[in-house]
Amino acid sequence: MISVGDLRPGTTFQYDGNLYIVLDYSHNKTARAAANIRVKMKNLRTGSTTEITFGGNAKVERATVEKRKMQYLYDNGGMLVFMDNETYDQIEIPADRLKWEQNFMKASDEVEVTSFEGEVLGVALPVNVPFKVIETEPAVRGDTAQGATKFAKIETGFEIKVPLFIEEGETVIVNTVDGTYGGRA
């Protein structure tokens, strides 16, 4: 058990039978009142984000989440297959649990698979990943009133907004957290 006063961003813990990771933490103390700890946390099983206020002396159970480097192999009809780079063991994760991540995974990409006591929780992708632009609209001359962007499709099929000067065949950096253009590779 750990005190909620020891929670920091990135710490994983169990609370009410669920597994959480701390996203943000604030310690509030007013005059004579007891300290309150406000924690913004993400449920590692469902992906939902919540905020909760704990009393200063509350305790939660620490959770150790394992992270293993694995290689994404292929989509096996609703199941995504990953292989451990050291042992060559393969695991399958249901595709519906990784809908967002699928937008940024190509065959043979290396990812970090997170698990807790044998239960696979999900996949952590690198933040900035290079992708080839396979399709984009032609730039319209004088169309700069909207910030001078256009849509481009990357090699996984995901569409992002890019500046007008990006052409088909170029490699761009995409932020996997929010799916935005990050620059040329």
Protein backbone atom coordinates (compact mmCIF):
# COMPACT_ATOMS: atom_id res chain seq x y z
CA MET A 1 0.00 0.00 0.00
CA ILE A 2 1.20 3.50 -0.77
CA SER A 3 -0.03 6.84 0.48
CA VAL A 4 -1.87 8.98 -2.08
CA GLY A 5 0.61 11.72 -1.19
CA ASP A 6 3.29 9.62 -2.93
CA LEU A 7 1.37 9.41 -6.24
CA ARG A 8 3.03 11.16 -9.17
CA PRO A 9 2.29 11.25 -12.93
CA GLY A 10 3.10 7.85 -14.45
CA THR A 11 2.48 5.89 -11.22
CA THR A 12 0.17 2.87 -11.60
CA PHE A 13 -2.12 1.77 -8.79
CA GLN A 14 -5.25 -0.25 -8.00
CA TYR A 15 -8.36 1.42 -6.60
CA ASP A 16 -11.88 -0.04 -6.27
CA GLY A 17 -10.86 -3.14 -8.24
CA ASN A 18 -9.65 -1.13 -11.24
CA LEU A 19 -6.16 -0.42 -12.54
CA TYR A 20 -5.17 3.23 -13.04
CA ILE A 21 -2.24 5.38 -14.13
CA VAL A 22 -1.82 8.89 -12.72
CA LEU A 23 -1.99 11.61 -15.39
CA ASP A 24 -1.98 14.68 -13.12
CA TYR A 25 -1.66 15.27 -9.40
CA SER A 26 -2.30 18.28 -7.15
CA HIS A 27 -1.95 18.70 -3.39
CA ASN A 28 -4.36 21.22 -1.83
CA LYS A 29 -4.09 22.43 1.75
CA THR A 30 -6.26 25.20 3.12
CA ALA A 31 -5.96 26.88 6.54
CA ARG A 32 -7.21 24.47 9.20
CA ALA A 33 -8.70 21.89 6.84
CA ALA A 34 -6.98 18.60 6.15
CA ALA A 35 -4.96 18.21 2.97
CA ASN A 36 -6.73 16.96 -0.15
CA ILE A 37 -5.01 15.21 -3.02
CA ARG A 38 -6.73 15.58 -6.41
CA VAL A 39 -5.70 12.94 -8.93
CA LYS A 40 -6.52 12.83 -12.63
CA MET A 41 -6.22 9.19 -13.63
CA LYS A 42 -6.76 6.91 -16.63
CA ASN A 43 -8.30 3.46 -16.33
CA LEU A 44 -5.82 1.10 -18.03
CA ARG A 45 -8.52 -1.44 -18.90
CA THR A 46 -11.19 0.84 -20.37
CA GLY A 47 -9.16 3.92 -21.34
CA SER A 48 -11.56 6.32 -19.59
CA THR A 49 -10.18 9.31 -17.70
CA THR A 50 -11.55 10.43 -14.33
CA GLU A 51 -10.66 12.79 -11.49
CA ILE A 52 -10.99 11.92 -7.83
CA THR A 53 -10.16 13.71 -4.59
CA PHE A 54 -8.58 11.66 -1.81
CA GLY A 55 -8.14 12.61 1.84
CA GLY A 56 -4.53 13.28 2.82
CA ASN A 57 -4.12 9.99 4.71
CA ALA A 58 -5.77 7.68 2.14
CA LYS A 59 -3.86 4.70 0.77
CA VAL A 60 -4.04 2.79 -2.51
CA GLU A 61 -2.43 -0.43 -3.66
CA ARG A 62 0.61 -0.09 -5.93
CA ALA A 63 0.38 -1.97 -9.24
CA THR A 64 3.42 -3.11 -11.18
CA VAL A 65 2.75 -2.98 -14.91
CA GLU A 66 5.16 -4.92 -17.12
CA LYS A 67 6.30 -3.45 -20.42
CA ARG A 68 7.82 -5.66 -23.11
CA LYS A 69 9.17 -4.67 -26.51
CA MET A 70 7.28 -6.61 -29.15
CA GLN A 71 6.96 -6.53 -32.91
CA TYR A 72 3.57 -6.07 -34.59
CA LEU A 73 3.21 -8.84 -37.17
CA TYR A 74 -0.27 -8.79 -38.76
CA ASP A 75 -4.05 -8.57 -38.35
CA ASN A 76 -5.52 -12.08 -38.06
CA GLY A 77 -9.17 -11.26 -38.73
CA GLY A 78 -10.03 -9.24 -35.62
CA MET A 79 -6.97 -10.28 -33.61
CA LEU A 80 -3.67 -8.41 -33.82
CA VAL A 81 -0.60 -10.65 -33.56
CA PHE A 82 2.56 -9.49 -31.75
CA MET A 83 5.87 -11.31 -31.30
CA ASP A 84 8.34 -10.99 -28.41
CA ASN A 85 11.73 -9.97 -29.85
CA GLU A 86 13.71 -12.12 -27.39
CA THR A 87 11.68 -15.32 -26.90
CA TYR A 88 9.77 -15.28 -30.22
CA ASP A 89 6.54 -15.98 -28.30
CA GLN A 90 3.44 -14.66 -30.04
CA ILE A 91 0.37 -13.12 -28.43
CA GLU A 92 -2.94 -11.98 -29.86
CA ILE A 93 -4.80 -8.85 -28.77
CA PRO A 94 -8.41 -8.16 -29.89
CA ALA A 95 -8.39 -5.44 -32.55
CA ASP A 96 -11.32 -3.60 -30.94
CA ARG A 97 -9.13 -2.86 -27.88
CA LEU A 98 -6.53 -1.12 -30.08
CA LYS A 99 -8.69 0.93 -32.48
CA TRP A 100 -6.70 4.17 -32.11
CA GLU A 101 -3.31 2.45 -32.11
CA GLN A 102 -4.13 0.60 -35.36
CA ASN A 103 -4.07 3.96 -37.17
CA PHE A 104 -0.31 4.14 -36.52
CA MET A 105 0.92 0.52 -36.70
CA LYS A 106 2.54 -1.05 -39.73
CA ALA A 107 3.71 -4.65 -40.02
CA SER A 108 7.10 -5.18 -38.32
CA ASP A 109 6.84 -2.00 -36.20
CA GLU A 110 8.26 -2.29 -32.69
CA VAL A 111 5.84 -1.36 -29.89
CA GLU A 112 5.68 -1.71 -26.12
CA VAL A 113 3.01 -4.16 -24.89
CA THR A 114 1.84 -3.46 -21.34
CA SER A 115 0.49 -6.19 -19.08
CA PHE A 116 -0.54 -6.63 -15.45
CA GLU A 117 -0.30 -10.07 -13.82
CA GLY A 118 -0.55 -11.79 -17.20
CA GLU A 119 -3.48 -9.66 -18.44
CA VAL A 120 -2.56 -7.71 -21.59
CA LEU A 121 -3.67 -4.09 -21.14
CA GLY A 122 -2.64 -2.49 -24.39
CA VAL A 123 0.09 -1.14 -26.60
CA ALA A 124 2.27 1.93 -26.09
CA LEU A 125 3.43 3.49 -29.35
CA PRO A 126 6.38 5.83 -29.85
CA VAL A 127 5.10 9.43 -29.74
CA ASN A 128 6.45 10.57 -33.12
CA VAL A 129 6.43 8.07 -35.97
CA PRO A 130 7.42 8.61 -39.63
CA PHE A 131 4.87 7.67 -42.31
CA LYS A 132 4.82 7.95 -46.08
CA VAL A 133 2.04 10.08 -47.60
CA ILE A 134 0.23 7.89 -50.14
CA GLU A 135 -2.52 10.27 -51.20
CA THR A 136 -3.11 14.01 -50.90
CA GLU A 137 -5.19 16.72 -52.50
CA PRO A 138 -3.47 19.16 -54.84
CA ALA A 139 -2.72 22.53 -53.26
CA VAL A 140 -5.19 25.22 -54.32
CA ARG A 141 -3.44 28.49 -55.06
CA GLY A 142 -4.61 31.33 -52.82
CA ASP A 143 -6.39 28.99 -50.37
CA THR A 144 -4.64 30.32 -47.27
CA ALA A 145 -7.60 31.68 -45.29
CA GLN A 146 -7.97 28.42 -43.32
CA GLY A 147 -4.35 28.13 -42.14
CA ALA A 148 -3.08 26.65 -45.41
CA THR A 149 -3.62 22.94 -44.73
CA LYS A 150 -5.02 20.03 -46.69
CA PHE A 151 -5.85 16.39 -45.99
CA ALA A 152 -3.32 13.64 -46.63
CA LYS A 153 -3.66 9.87 -46.26
CA ILE A 154 -0.70 8.04 -44.70
CA GLU A 155 0.29 4.45 -45.47
CA THR A 156 -1.95 2.98 -42.72
CA GLY A 157 -5.02 4.68 -44.24
CA PHE A 158 -5.34 7.32 -41.52
CA GLU A 159 -6.01 10.91 -42.68
CA ILE A 160 -4.15 13.87 -41.21
CA LYS A 161 -4.01 17.59 -41.99
CA VAL A 162 -0.71 18.70 -43.51
CA PRO A 163 0.65 21.99 -44.91
CA LEU A 164 0.03 22.72 -48.60
CA PHE A 165 3.66 22.01 -49.61
CA ILE A 166 3.49 18.29 -48.65
CA GLU A 167 3.25 16.05 -51.72
CA GLU A 168 2.51 12.36 -52.31
CA GLY A 169 5.47 10.11 -51.60
CA GLU A 170 6.98 12.37 -48.92
CA THR A 171 7.64 11.07 -45.41
CA VAL A 172 6.08 13.03 -42.54
CA ILE A 173 6.24 12.73 -38.75
CA VAL A 174 2.86 12.00 -37.11
CA ASN A 175 2.13 12.44 -33.40
CA THR A 176 0.47 9.17 -32.28
CA VAL A 177 -1.10 10.76 -29.19
CA ASP A 178 -3.42 13.12 -31.07
CA GLY A 179 -2.89 12.14 -34.75
CA THR A 180 -1.43 15.46 -35.90
CA TYR A 181 1.28 16.42 -38.39
CA GLY A 182 4.62 17.03 -36.69
CA GLY A 183 6.91 17.93 -39.59
CA ARG A 184 8.87 16.34 -42.40
CA ALA A 185 11.00 13.31 -41.65
